[in-house]
Structure formats: structure tokens, C-alpha cells
Amino acid sequence: MTEGKLPTYPFSQITTLPRDYTLPDISYIIGGYFWKAIFVDAQGYIVTDAPAASENLNYLNQFNFANPSIGTGASWSSFHPGQAEFALTCGTCHSTGYNANGNQDDLPGITGTWTQPGVRCERCHGPGSLHTNNPQGVRMLVERDSALCRQCHTYVPVTSLDIKNGFIQHGDQYGDLSQSKHQILDCLTCHDPHTGVVQLQQTSQQTTRLMCQDCHFKEAQFQNNPAHVTNGIGCPDCHMPKLIQSASANSRGFTADLPTHVVAIDPRLVSQFDADGNLISGQISLDYACRRCHGQTKSSEQLLAAASNYHAIPTALPAP
């Protein structure tokens, strides 16, 4: 709860509020971690318009943090603008000890109650008090199956993905993983749940438990573009392009906020979407695998030629 003060965020700060609002008008701020934030009014409803107003379909109520990696500055955008008394069950995933009954702080716009705001230890490990009262009889929950992660990071079939502006729209799902052979892996195979990817990125540390080459060692050894190796282009740069939009996106630069988990590149596919914005393929196209860096400096024919047999083992290997 804001209690009339802006919260302190680890990477960025909110310096303005939606138009015509002051801090006493805001009960909660949802998000704000790295990409974006939306605001909850004094009655617990999502701010979608000016106070006591509705139906302004151009109202800017979502704050997007600056993202230098894709060339965007801090900005405002619309999230369900003009919708009256818009309530979200954000507490399901953005709190600890969530209960679908009641209204937190007796605010009518908030569905459910919670014990602690934010995702704390007990959200995944269960009630700590039971364990401390009986350490031998009640063990802390340690669940390594992806089913626990999917309680919040919901699985959405690729045919149901929300696609706008040339990007998959992020809604805490990892639905594009359904097209990847990595869907058989548990999330914890690659990710450490106690260390967020962003924190590791900020300190230039490895962001996953495993490196791509730990499994794909042959592909890592053979690349037909020495410049990629010289310039330190890693596997995720091409195989996990930022195809998912959480807050901001750069359509001309073929990049958004979040990386895809599809991984597989179709070297014969140039465009990811058709003229109507529909997904053409579940594999990554050359627009997003290559043009994020190369832009229009390379023709489609040149990209196709470079991507074909990119990891093919040469017939004559150089001496070790």
C-alpha cells in the first residue's frame, strides 16, 4: 500500500502519476519492478480515467519505464482506458497468502485478500509458521515441478496468444514455449527462482543455471559467421529475441521487452506475421532473429543465405 508515498524500486523510479491524480488518491501500485506500473485508486479500482470520470478511450494510465536496450524513453500508454470500476485479481499472483474471498483493506475494487503484498517466500514454500512450530513434522514445501510456476506464469496455447503491434503481448504467460522443444524441461532446469534474471543482467552475471552450449555443444562450436563470434554475439541474441511486449516496443527495430522461449529459428522464414498481424509460424523468423541488429542493411536473400546451415559442421575441420 502506498500510504501516501511512492515505493522504492530496485532499478527505476516513478516520478509522475496519471493525470489529475495525487498520491493520496492512489492506494496501490502494481508492478514497477522493471518494465511498467499501473495504479489503483482509493476505492481499489484500476485507474483507467481521470478521477470520477470514464469513457476517455485515450487516457494514459500505464507508466512505462525507459528501456535503453530497445531505444525507448519513459512514457505513458493506455491500459483498458475509460473503463469504469475496472477491477483486477492481481493479488492472485502479486501477493502472498492470497484468499479469493473478501476485499483487501475493505476496498470494493480489490478482489480477495492477502497476508503480505508481493511474492514472498511463503508464496512458493507454504506457511513458515507451521514449520517453525514443528520443524520435524512440517517440512517446507520444495516443489521443483513447473506446475507451481504455472500457477502464475500461465500456459497459453500459441493459437490463443494476444498479438498486437507486431509483437506477442505479455500477460504473465509463456505461451510461446508451446512451440519449443524446451517445453519438456522444468523451469528450474534453467532458472533459479531465488535470483531474478534482471538482477543478474544488471551485474553482468550469467542469467541461467545452464548455458546453451552445455546441451547444444556442437551447434556452439560451428557458426558460419566469424563476425558473430568476434563481436560476442551469444546464442540468446538470435535464438531468444525480444519478441514479447510487456510495456514498450520498437517495431522498426524488431525488438520489445521480453525474450521469446521458442528458440528454434526457421531460416526459410523472413516475416513472423502476415499483413493482418496474425502469427505465421511458431518458429522465429529472420526479421526478429537477424534484423534486430542488421536492420535493412541486409536483403532478405542475404539473410536467408547466411541463416541456412548456420551450424552445419564444415566438411574439412581446421587442425586443433
Protein backbone atom coordinates (compact mmCIF):
# COMPACT_ATOMS: atom_id res chain seq x y z
CA MET A 1 0.00 0.00 0.00
CA THR A 2 1.40 3.43 -0.87
CA GLU A 3 0.31 5.21 2.34
CA GLY A 4 0.86 8.49 0.52
CA LYS A 5 4.43 7.69 -0.51
CA LEU A 6 5.96 6.42 -3.72
CA PRO A 7 7.55 2.99 -3.21
CA THR A 8 11.25 2.49 -3.76
CA TYR A 9 12.01 0.29 -6.75
CA PRO A 10 15.27 -1.58 -7.34
CA PHE A 11 16.05 -0.33 -10.84
CA SER A 12 13.87 2.67 -11.75
CA GLN A 13 11.61 5.20 -10.12
CA ILE A 14 8.16 6.57 -10.88
CA THR A 15 8.32 10.35 -10.94
CA THR A 16 4.79 11.17 -12.15
CA LEU A 17 1.26 9.84 -11.63
CA PRO A 18 -1.68 9.52 -14.02
CA ARG A 19 -3.10 12.92 -14.95
CA ASP A 20 -5.16 14.66 -12.25
CA TYR A 21 -4.11 12.15 -9.53
CA THR A 22 -2.06 12.82 -6.40
CA LEU A 23 -0.50 10.29 -4.05
CA PRO A 24 -3.44 10.32 -1.56
CA ASP A 25 -5.63 9.20 -4.49
CA ILE A 26 -3.51 6.06 -5.05
CA SER A 27 -3.90 3.05 -2.75
CA TYR A 28 -1.61 0.56 -4.53
CA ILE A 29 0.85 0.46 -7.42
CA ILE A 30 1.02 -2.80 -9.35
CA GLY A 31 4.31 -3.67 -10.99
CA GLY A 32 7.06 -1.09 -11.09
CA TYR A 33 9.73 -3.76 -10.93
CA PHE A 34 11.41 -3.07 -14.26
CA TRP A 35 9.04 -2.63 -17.19
CA LYS A 36 5.83 -0.87 -16.23
CA ALA A 37 3.40 0.11 -13.50
CA ILE A 38 -0.35 0.55 -13.23
CA PHE A 39 -2.18 2.35 -10.44
CA VAL A 40 -5.06 1.54 -8.09
CA ASP A 41 -7.34 4.32 -6.90
CA ALA A 42 -8.58 4.98 -3.38
CA GLN A 43 -11.52 2.58 -3.90
CA GLY A 44 -9.31 -0.24 -5.12
CA TYR A 45 -10.15 0.03 -8.81
CA ILE A 46 -7.53 0.23 -11.54
CA VAL A 47 -7.02 3.82 -12.64
CA THR A 48 -8.37 3.99 -16.18
CA ASP A 49 -9.52 7.60 -16.42
CA ALA A 50 -9.42 10.92 -14.61
CA PRO A 51 -10.96 10.89 -11.09
CA ALA A 52 -14.75 10.39 -11.15
CA ALA A 53 -14.69 10.13 -14.95
CA SER A 54 -14.91 7.36 -17.51
CA GLU A 55 -15.20 6.68 -21.23
CA ASN A 56 -11.99 8.54 -22.19
CA LEU A 57 -10.56 5.92 -24.52
CA ASN A 58 -7.33 7.88 -24.90
CA TYR A 59 -6.50 8.22 -21.21
CA LEU A 60 -2.87 7.39 -20.40
CA ASN A 61 -2.74 5.33 -17.21
CA GLN A 62 0.17 2.89 -17.57
CA PHE A 63 3.67 4.14 -16.83
CA ASN A 64 6.41 2.51 -18.92
CA PHE A 65 9.95 2.78 -17.66
CA ALA A 66 12.71 3.85 -20.01
CA ASN A 67 14.30 0.93 -21.82
CA PRO A 68 17.64 1.96 -23.35
CA SER A 69 18.21 -1.55 -24.72
CA ILE A 70 15.41 -1.01 -27.25
CA GLY A 71 15.79 2.74 -27.57
CA THR A 72 12.67 3.90 -25.73
CA GLY A 73 12.34 6.52 -23.02
CA ALA A 74 9.92 6.66 -20.10
CA SER A 75 6.39 7.10 -21.38
CA TRP A 76 2.70 6.70 -20.68
CA SER A 77 0.35 4.35 -22.52
CA SER A 78 -3.26 3.20 -22.23
CA PHE A 79 -4.38 0.12 -20.31
CA HIS A 80 -8.13 -0.51 -20.59
CA PRO A 81 -8.67 3.28 -20.83
CA GLY A 82 -12.05 4.72 -19.91
CA GLN A 83 -13.38 1.53 -18.35
CA ALA A 84 -15.43 2.29 -15.25
CA GLU A 85 -14.75 0.46 -11.95
CA PHE A 86 -12.19 -1.84 -13.53
CA ALA A 87 -11.10 -4.48 -11.02
CA LEU A 88 -8.29 -6.99 -11.46
CA THR A 89 -7.48 -10.06 -9.41
CA CYS A 90 -3.82 -9.06 -9.38
CA GLY A 91 -3.42 -10.40 -5.85
CA THR A 92 -3.59 -13.96 -7.15
CA CYS A 93 -0.01 -13.67 -8.35
CA HIS A 94 1.24 -10.38 -6.93
CA SER A 95 0.80 -11.25 -3.25
CA THR A 96 1.48 -13.93 -0.64
CA GLY A 97 -1.26 -15.75 1.24
CA TYR A 98 -3.97 -14.82 -1.25
CA ASN A 99 -7.60 -15.61 -0.47
CA ALA A 100 -10.25 -15.06 -3.15
CA ASN A 101 -12.83 -14.08 -0.53
CA GLY A 102 -13.31 -10.56 0.77
CA ASN A 103 -11.72 -7.27 -0.24
CA GLN A 104 -8.26 -6.20 0.86
CA ASP A 105 -8.37 -3.13 3.14
CA ASP A 106 -12.16 -3.18 2.60
CA LEU A 107 -11.68 -1.56 -0.79
CA PRO A 108 -14.55 -2.63 -3.09
CA GLY A 109 -12.38 -2.64 -6.23
CA ILE A 110 -9.94 -5.23 -4.89
CA THR A 111 -10.96 -8.83 -5.30
CA GLY A 112 -9.67 -11.05 -2.49
CA THR A 113 -7.32 -10.52 0.42
CA TRP A 114 -3.69 -11.36 1.11
CA THR A 115 -1.35 -11.74 4.04
CA GLN A 116 1.63 -9.98 2.51
CA PRO A 117 1.93 -7.80 -0.59
CA GLY A 118 4.36 -9.03 -3.18
CA VAL A 119 5.75 -12.51 -3.81
CA ARG A 120 7.44 -13.62 -0.60
CA CYS A 121 8.96 -16.94 0.46
CA GLU A 122 5.66 -18.42 1.63
CA ARG A 123 4.03 -17.91 -1.79
CA CYS A 124 6.00 -20.90 -3.05
CA HIS A 125 7.13 -22.68 0.14
CA GLY A 126 3.92 -22.61 2.18
CA PRO A 127 3.24 -21.22 5.70
CA GLY A 128 6.51 -20.81 7.56
CA SER A 129 4.81 -20.65 10.96
CA LEU A 130 3.73 -24.29 10.70
CA HIS A 131 7.32 -25.30 10.01
CA THR A 132 8.84 -23.21 12.80
CA ASN A 133 6.33 -24.60 15.32
CA ASN A 134 7.04 -28.17 14.24
CA PRO A 135 10.28 -28.33 12.20
CA GLN A 136 10.39 -32.13 12.07
CA GLY A 137 6.71 -32.72 11.47
CA VAL A 138 6.06 -29.99 8.89
CA ARG A 139 8.67 -29.62 6.19
CA MET A 140 8.80 -26.55 3.99
CA LEU A 141 7.38 -27.17 0.53
CA VAL A 142 10.11 -27.55 -2.08
CA GLU A 143 8.37 -28.02 -5.41
CA ARG A 144 10.58 -28.23 -8.47
CA ASP A 145 7.90 -29.13 -10.98
CA SER A 146 6.87 -26.42 -13.44
CA ALA A 147 3.25 -26.79 -12.32
CA LEU A 148 3.99 -24.49 -9.38
CA CYS A 149 5.44 -21.82 -11.68
CA ARG A 150 2.42 -22.13 -13.98
CA GLN A 151 0.10 -21.04 -11.19
CA CYS A 152 1.18 -17.51 -12.11
CA HIS A 153 3.15 -17.85 -15.33
CA THR A 154 0.19 -19.42 -17.04
CA TYR A 155 0.45 -21.61 -20.10
CA VAL A 156 -1.39 -20.25 -23.12
CA PRO A 157 -1.54 -22.20 -26.41
CA VAL A 158 0.15 -20.37 -29.24
CA THR A 159 -3.18 -20.12 -31.09
CA SER A 160 -4.53 -18.03 -28.19
CA LEU A 161 -1.67 -15.58 -27.92
CA ASP A 162 -2.58 -11.90 -27.89
CA ILE A 163 -0.71 -10.30 -30.80
CA LYS A 164 -0.60 -6.53 -31.40
CA ASN A 165 1.83 -4.08 -32.99
CA GLY A 166 3.91 -6.92 -34.43
CA PHE A 167 4.64 -8.47 -31.02
CA ILE A 168 3.19 -11.06 -28.67
CA GLN A 169 1.54 -9.21 -25.77
CA HIS A 170 2.78 -10.26 -22.34
CA GLY A 171 0.29 -11.28 -19.67
CA ASP A 172 2.48 -13.31 -17.31
CA GLN A 173 2.23 -16.24 -19.67
CA TYR A 174 4.91 -18.11 -21.52
CA GLY A 175 2.57 -19.47 -24.16
CA ASP A 176 5.10 -19.27 -26.97
CA LEU A 177 7.02 -22.03 -25.19
CA SER A 178 4.39 -24.42 -26.51
CA GLN A 179 6.14 -24.27 -29.89
CA SER A 180 9.55 -25.07 -28.43
CA LYS A 181 11.15 -28.43 -27.77
CA HIS A 182 12.19 -26.90 -24.44
CA GLN A 183 8.62 -27.31 -23.21
CA ILE A 184 9.67 -30.73 -21.83
CA LEU A 185 12.10 -29.04 -19.43
CA ASP A 186 11.21 -27.83 -15.96
CA CYS A 187 11.56 -24.09 -15.40
CA LEU A 188 14.17 -24.75 -12.70
CA THR A 189 16.36 -26.56 -15.19
CA CYS A 190 17.40 -23.14 -16.45
CA HIS A 191 16.11 -20.64 -13.88
CA ASP A 192 16.97 -20.05 -10.24
CA PRO A 193 13.72 -18.93 -8.58
CA HIS A 194 15.63 -17.06 -5.86
CA THR A 195 17.53 -14.83 -8.27
CA GLY A 196 15.69 -12.81 -10.86
CA VAL A 197 17.06 -12.53 -14.37
CA VAL A 198 17.06 -8.73 -14.25
CA GLN A 199 19.26 -8.53 -11.14
CA LEU A 200 21.81 -10.78 -12.80
CA GLN A 201 21.69 -8.77 -16.01
CA GLN A 202 22.34 -5.57 -14.09
CA THR A 203 25.56 -7.01 -12.68
CA SER A 204 26.62 -8.73 -15.94
CA GLN A 205 26.25 -12.20 -14.45
CA GLN A 206 25.03 -15.40 -16.07
CA THR A 207 21.24 -15.28 -16.01
CA THR A 208 20.51 -19.01 -16.12
CA ARG A 209 21.72 -22.12 -14.35
CA LEU A 210 22.78 -23.62 -17.66
CA MET A 211 24.38 -22.12 -20.73
CA CYS A 212 23.03 -23.04 -24.17
CA GLN A 213 26.30 -24.72 -25.08
CA ASP A 214 26.01 -27.06 -22.08
CA CYS A 215 23.46 -29.02 -24.13
CA HIS A 216 23.97 -27.71 -27.66
CA PHE A 217 27.75 -28.02 -27.71
CA LYS A 218 28.00 -28.99 -31.37
CA GLU A 219 25.98 -26.00 -32.53
CA ALA A 220 28.06 -23.72 -30.31
CA GLN A 221 31.27 -24.98 -31.90
CA PHE A 222 30.29 -24.34 -35.50
CA GLN A 223 28.99 -20.99 -36.77
CA ASN A 224 29.38 -19.84 -40.32
CA ASN A 225 29.70 -16.17 -39.38
CA PRO A 226 33.04 -15.48 -37.64
CA ALA A 227 31.98 -11.86 -37.02
CA HIS A 228 29.30 -13.07 -34.60
CA VAL A 229 31.93 -14.88 -32.55
CA THR A 230 34.34 -11.92 -32.67
CA ASN A 231 31.65 -9.49 -31.53
CA GLY A 232 30.47 -11.71 -28.70
CA ILE A 233 27.04 -12.49 -30.15
CA GLY A 234 25.62 -15.22 -27.93
CA CYS A 235 23.02 -17.89 -28.60
CA PRO A 236 20.10 -15.97 -26.95
CA ASP A 237 20.77 -12.91 -29.11
CA CYS A 238 19.44 -14.78 -32.15
CA HIS A 239 17.51 -17.69 -30.65
CA MET A 240 15.67 -15.74 -27.93
CA PRO A 241 14.95 -12.34 -29.50
CA LYS A 242 12.70 -9.94 -27.61
CA LEU A 243 9.51 -10.83 -29.42
CA ILE A 244 7.19 -10.21 -26.43
CA GLN A 245 5.92 -6.76 -25.42
CA SER A 246 5.29 -6.06 -21.76
CA ALA A 247 5.47 -2.26 -21.83
CA SER A 248 7.42 -0.77 -24.72
CA ALA A 249 8.43 -1.96 -28.16
CA ASN A 250 10.44 -0.74 -31.13
CA SER A 251 8.64 -2.06 -34.20
CA ARG A 252 11.22 -0.65 -36.62
CA GLY A 253 13.96 -2.33 -34.61
CA PHE A 254 12.06 -5.66 -34.36
CA THR A 255 12.51 -5.76 -30.59
CA ALA A 256 10.40 -5.37 -27.45
CA ASP A 257 10.78 -6.01 -23.70
CA LEU A 258 10.91 -9.74 -23.15
CA PRO A 259 12.63 -12.64 -24.92
CA THR A 260 10.75 -15.46 -26.56
CA HIS A 261 11.27 -19.03 -25.38
CA VAL A 262 10.64 -20.53 -28.83
CA VAL A 263 14.40 -20.81 -29.58
CA ALA A 264 14.05 -22.56 -32.96
CA ILE A 265 14.79 -20.37 -35.99
CA ASP A 266 13.28 -21.19 -39.38
CA PRO A 267 15.99 -19.99 -41.82
CA ARG A 268 13.46 -20.04 -44.70
CA LEU A 269 11.05 -17.68 -42.95
CA VAL A 270 11.52 -13.93 -43.28
CA SER A 271 8.33 -12.47 -41.74
CA GLN A 272 6.88 -13.51 -38.39
CA PHE A 273 3.40 -12.11 -39.04
CA ASP A 274 1.15 -11.72 -42.05
CA ALA A 275 -0.31 -8.44 -43.31
CA ASP A 276 -3.19 -8.70 -40.82
CA GLY A 277 -0.80 -9.16 -37.89
CA ASN A 278 -1.51 -12.85 -37.44
CA LEU A 279 1.26 -15.22 -36.42
CA ILE A 280 2.59 -17.06 -39.47
CA SER A 281 4.83 -19.54 -37.69
CA GLY A 282 5.66 -20.77 -34.22
CA GLN A 283 9.35 -20.61 -35.12
CA ILE A 284 11.44 -17.45 -35.11
CA SER A 285 11.67 -15.59 -38.40
CA LEU A 286 14.70 -13.78 -39.77
CA ASP A 287 13.05 -10.42 -39.14
CA TYR A 288 13.40 -10.95 -35.40
CA ALA A 289 16.45 -13.22 -35.35
CA CYS A 290 18.55 -11.07 -37.69
CA ARG A 291 17.06 -7.66 -38.41
CA ARG A 292 17.12 -6.58 -34.78
CA CYS A 293 20.84 -5.98 -35.39
CA HIS A 294 21.12 -5.80 -39.17
CA GLY A 295 18.00 -3.75 -39.86
CA GLN A 296 17.54 -3.23 -43.58
CA THR A 297 21.27 -3.28 -44.34
CA LYS A 298 20.92 -6.88 -45.49
CA SER A 299 18.44 -8.07 -48.07
CA SER A 300 16.11 -10.97 -47.33
CA GLU A 301 18.11 -13.06 -49.79
CA GLN A 302 21.33 -12.30 -47.92
CA LEU A 303 19.77 -13.20 -44.59
CA LEU A 304 18.36 -16.44 -45.99
CA ALA A 305 21.76 -17.41 -47.36
CA ALA A 306 23.54 -16.61 -44.09
CA ALA A 307 21.00 -18.39 -41.88
CA SER A 308 20.78 -21.60 -43.92
CA ASN A 309 23.02 -24.32 -42.48
CA TYR A 310 24.36 -21.80 -40.00
CA HIS A 311 25.56 -24.50 -37.59
CA ALA A 312 26.45 -27.11 -40.22
CA ILE A 313 29.71 -28.87 -39.49
CA PRO A 314 32.25 -27.97 -42.22
CA THR A 315 33.48 -30.82 -44.39
CA ALA A 316 37.10 -30.07 -43.58
CA LEU A 317 37.77 -29.15 -39.98
CA PRO A 318 40.76 -26.98 -39.13
CA ALA A 319 43.57 -28.53 -37.16
CA PRO A 320 43.07 -28.19 -33.36
